N, C-alpha and C. Protein backbone atom coordinates (compact mmCIF):
# COMPACT_ATOMS: atom_id res chain seq x y z
N MET A 1 -7.83 -43.85 -25.74
CA MET A 1 -7.24 -42.87 -24.86
C MET A 1 -7.77 -43.08 -23.45
N LYS A 2 -6.84 -43.11 -22.49
CA LYS A 2 -7.23 -43.17 -21.08
C LYS A 2 -6.63 -41.96 -20.38
N VAL A 3 -7.46 -41.25 -19.63
CA VAL A 3 -7.05 -40.03 -18.95
C VAL A 3 -7.07 -40.27 -17.44
N THR A 4 -6.03 -39.78 -16.78
CA THR A 4 -6.00 -39.79 -15.31
C THR A 4 -5.57 -38.40 -14.86
N VAL A 5 -5.96 -38.06 -13.65
CA VAL A 5 -5.56 -36.78 -13.08
C VAL A 5 -4.98 -37.01 -11.68
N ASP A 6 -4.07 -36.15 -11.30
CA ASP A 6 -3.49 -36.18 -9.96
C ASP A 6 -4.01 -34.94 -9.23
N GLN A 7 -5.03 -35.14 -8.42
CA GLN A 7 -5.64 -34.01 -7.72
C GLN A 7 -4.68 -33.36 -6.74
N ASP A 8 -3.70 -34.11 -6.26
CA ASP A 8 -2.72 -33.53 -5.34
C ASP A 8 -1.80 -32.53 -6.03
N LYS A 9 -1.57 -32.71 -7.33
CA LYS A 9 -0.73 -31.78 -8.09
C LYS A 9 -1.51 -30.56 -8.57
N CYS A 10 -2.81 -30.71 -8.74
CA CYS A 10 -3.64 -29.66 -9.33
C CYS A 10 -3.55 -28.36 -8.53
N ILE A 11 -3.36 -27.25 -9.27
CA ILE A 11 -3.32 -25.93 -8.62
C ILE A 11 -4.56 -25.10 -8.95
N ALA A 12 -5.58 -25.74 -9.52
CA ALA A 12 -6.89 -25.12 -9.76
C ALA A 12 -6.83 -23.96 -10.75
N ALA A 13 -5.95 -24.05 -11.75
CA ALA A 13 -5.85 -23.00 -12.76
C ALA A 13 -7.06 -22.99 -13.70
N GLY A 14 -7.66 -24.15 -13.93
CA GLY A 14 -8.87 -24.22 -14.75
C GLY A 14 -8.66 -24.34 -16.24
N HIS A 15 -7.41 -24.45 -16.69
CA HIS A 15 -7.15 -24.58 -18.12
C HIS A 15 -7.81 -25.83 -18.70
N CYS A 16 -7.84 -26.91 -17.94
CA CYS A 16 -8.42 -28.15 -18.43
C CYS A 16 -9.91 -27.97 -18.75
N VAL A 17 -10.62 -27.28 -17.89
CA VAL A 17 -12.04 -27.06 -18.10
C VAL A 17 -12.28 -26.14 -19.29
N MET A 18 -11.43 -25.15 -19.45
CA MET A 18 -11.57 -24.23 -20.59
C MET A 18 -11.37 -24.94 -21.93
N HIS A 19 -10.48 -25.92 -21.95
CA HIS A 19 -10.15 -26.58 -23.22
C HIS A 19 -10.92 -27.87 -23.46
N ALA A 20 -11.39 -28.53 -22.40
CA ALA A 20 -12.10 -29.80 -22.56
C ALA A 20 -13.14 -29.95 -21.44
N GLY A 21 -14.11 -29.08 -21.45
CA GLY A 21 -15.14 -29.06 -20.42
C GLY A 21 -16.02 -30.29 -20.35
N ALA A 22 -16.04 -31.08 -21.42
CA ALA A 22 -16.83 -32.31 -21.39
C ALA A 22 -16.08 -33.43 -20.64
N VAL A 23 -14.79 -33.24 -20.43
CA VAL A 23 -13.97 -34.27 -19.80
C VAL A 23 -13.54 -33.86 -18.39
N PHE A 24 -13.39 -32.55 -18.16
CA PHE A 24 -12.91 -32.06 -16.87
C PHE A 24 -13.87 -31.05 -16.27
N ASP A 25 -13.91 -31.03 -14.95
CA ASP A 25 -14.66 -30.02 -14.20
C ASP A 25 -13.79 -29.64 -13.00
N GLN A 26 -14.28 -28.73 -12.19
CA GLN A 26 -13.56 -28.32 -11.00
C GLN A 26 -14.48 -28.39 -9.79
N ARG A 27 -13.89 -28.77 -8.65
CA ARG A 27 -14.67 -28.79 -7.40
C ARG A 27 -15.07 -27.37 -7.05
N ASP A 28 -16.27 -27.22 -6.53
CA ASP A 28 -16.79 -25.90 -6.18
C ASP A 28 -16.00 -25.25 -5.04
N ASP A 29 -15.58 -26.04 -4.07
CA ASP A 29 -14.97 -25.45 -2.88
C ASP A 29 -13.54 -24.97 -3.08
N ASP A 30 -12.75 -25.69 -3.90
CA ASP A 30 -11.34 -25.29 -4.05
C ASP A 30 -10.83 -25.26 -5.49
N GLY A 31 -11.66 -25.61 -6.45
CA GLY A 31 -11.29 -25.54 -7.85
C GLY A 31 -10.43 -26.67 -8.37
N VAL A 32 -10.16 -27.68 -7.55
CA VAL A 32 -9.33 -28.81 -7.98
C VAL A 32 -10.07 -29.60 -9.05
N VAL A 33 -9.30 -30.12 -9.99
CA VAL A 33 -9.85 -30.85 -11.14
C VAL A 33 -10.67 -32.06 -10.73
N ILE A 34 -11.74 -32.29 -11.49
CA ILE A 34 -12.56 -33.49 -11.39
C ILE A 34 -12.58 -34.11 -12.78
N LEU A 35 -12.26 -35.38 -12.87
CA LEU A 35 -12.28 -36.08 -14.15
C LEU A 35 -13.69 -36.61 -14.39
N LEU A 36 -14.33 -36.15 -15.44
CA LEU A 36 -15.70 -36.56 -15.77
C LEU A 36 -15.74 -37.78 -16.66
N ASP A 37 -14.70 -37.96 -17.48
CA ASP A 37 -14.69 -39.08 -18.44
C ASP A 37 -13.26 -39.57 -18.63
N ALA A 38 -12.95 -40.72 -18.04
CA ALA A 38 -11.59 -41.27 -18.12
C ALA A 38 -11.28 -41.84 -19.50
N ASN A 39 -12.31 -42.13 -20.27
CA ASN A 39 -12.14 -42.68 -21.62
C ASN A 39 -12.97 -41.85 -22.60
N PRO A 40 -12.53 -40.62 -22.87
CA PRO A 40 -13.33 -39.75 -23.74
C PRO A 40 -13.37 -40.25 -25.18
N PRO A 41 -14.42 -39.91 -25.90
CA PRO A 41 -14.53 -40.32 -27.30
C PRO A 41 -13.44 -39.68 -28.16
N SER A 42 -13.16 -40.31 -29.27
CA SER A 42 -12.05 -39.88 -30.13
C SER A 42 -12.21 -38.43 -30.62
N GLU A 43 -13.44 -37.97 -30.77
CA GLU A 43 -13.63 -36.60 -31.25
C GLU A 43 -13.19 -35.55 -30.22
N LEU A 44 -12.98 -35.96 -28.97
CA LEU A 44 -12.50 -35.04 -27.94
C LEU A 44 -11.00 -35.18 -27.69
N ALA A 45 -10.34 -36.09 -28.37
CA ALA A 45 -8.93 -36.40 -28.11
C ALA A 45 -8.03 -35.17 -28.26
N ALA A 46 -8.21 -34.40 -29.29
CA ALA A 46 -7.36 -33.22 -29.50
C ALA A 46 -7.56 -32.20 -28.37
N ASP A 47 -8.80 -32.01 -27.94
CA ASP A 47 -9.07 -31.08 -26.84
C ASP A 47 -8.44 -31.56 -25.54
N VAL A 48 -8.52 -32.85 -25.28
CA VAL A 48 -7.94 -33.42 -24.06
C VAL A 48 -6.41 -33.29 -24.09
N ARG A 49 -5.81 -33.56 -25.22
CA ARG A 49 -4.35 -33.41 -25.34
C ARG A 49 -3.94 -31.95 -25.11
N HIS A 50 -4.72 -31.04 -25.65
CA HIS A 50 -4.43 -29.61 -25.47
C HIS A 50 -4.58 -29.23 -23.99
N ALA A 51 -5.61 -29.73 -23.35
CA ALA A 51 -5.82 -29.44 -21.93
C ALA A 51 -4.64 -29.94 -21.10
N ALA A 52 -4.18 -31.15 -21.40
CA ALA A 52 -3.03 -31.71 -20.67
C ALA A 52 -1.78 -30.87 -20.90
N ALA A 53 -1.58 -30.43 -22.13
CA ALA A 53 -0.40 -29.63 -22.46
C ALA A 53 -0.44 -28.26 -21.77
N MET A 54 -1.63 -27.73 -21.57
CA MET A 54 -1.78 -26.40 -20.97
C MET A 54 -1.78 -26.42 -19.44
N CYS A 55 -1.87 -27.59 -18.84
CA CYS A 55 -1.92 -27.69 -17.38
C CYS A 55 -0.59 -27.26 -16.78
N PRO A 56 -0.58 -26.16 -16.01
CA PRO A 56 0.67 -25.67 -15.45
C PRO A 56 1.27 -26.60 -14.39
N ALA A 57 0.45 -27.46 -13.81
CA ALA A 57 0.92 -28.37 -12.76
C ALA A 57 1.24 -29.76 -13.29
N LEU A 58 0.99 -29.98 -14.59
CA LEU A 58 1.19 -31.31 -15.20
C LEU A 58 0.42 -32.39 -14.43
N ALA A 59 -0.81 -32.06 -14.08
CA ALA A 59 -1.64 -32.96 -13.28
C ALA A 59 -2.47 -33.93 -14.11
N ILE A 60 -2.39 -33.82 -15.44
CA ILE A 60 -3.19 -34.67 -16.35
C ILE A 60 -2.27 -35.61 -17.10
N GLN A 61 -2.56 -36.89 -17.04
CA GLN A 61 -1.80 -37.89 -17.77
C GLN A 61 -2.71 -38.55 -18.80
N ILE A 62 -2.13 -38.84 -19.96
CA ILE A 62 -2.86 -39.47 -21.05
C ILE A 62 -2.11 -40.72 -21.51
N GLU A 63 -2.83 -41.81 -21.61
CA GLU A 63 -2.30 -43.03 -22.20
C GLU A 63 -3.04 -43.26 -23.51
N GLU A 64 -2.29 -43.40 -24.57
CA GLU A 64 -2.91 -43.61 -25.89
C GLU A 64 -3.24 -45.06 -26.11
């Protein structure tokens, strides 16, 4: 799994951090997503997929 984020699309809703905090964080100043792990381990795959599905801005892309 390879994860990418589009910070320009991000609206700082924070759903990604709530669902996969080991993979995503938010900038302190504006809440925009920060990708912590572009290649998360397989045990986090379901959480990352859920985070991507919950993103209201569709700012998270996943390549399997």
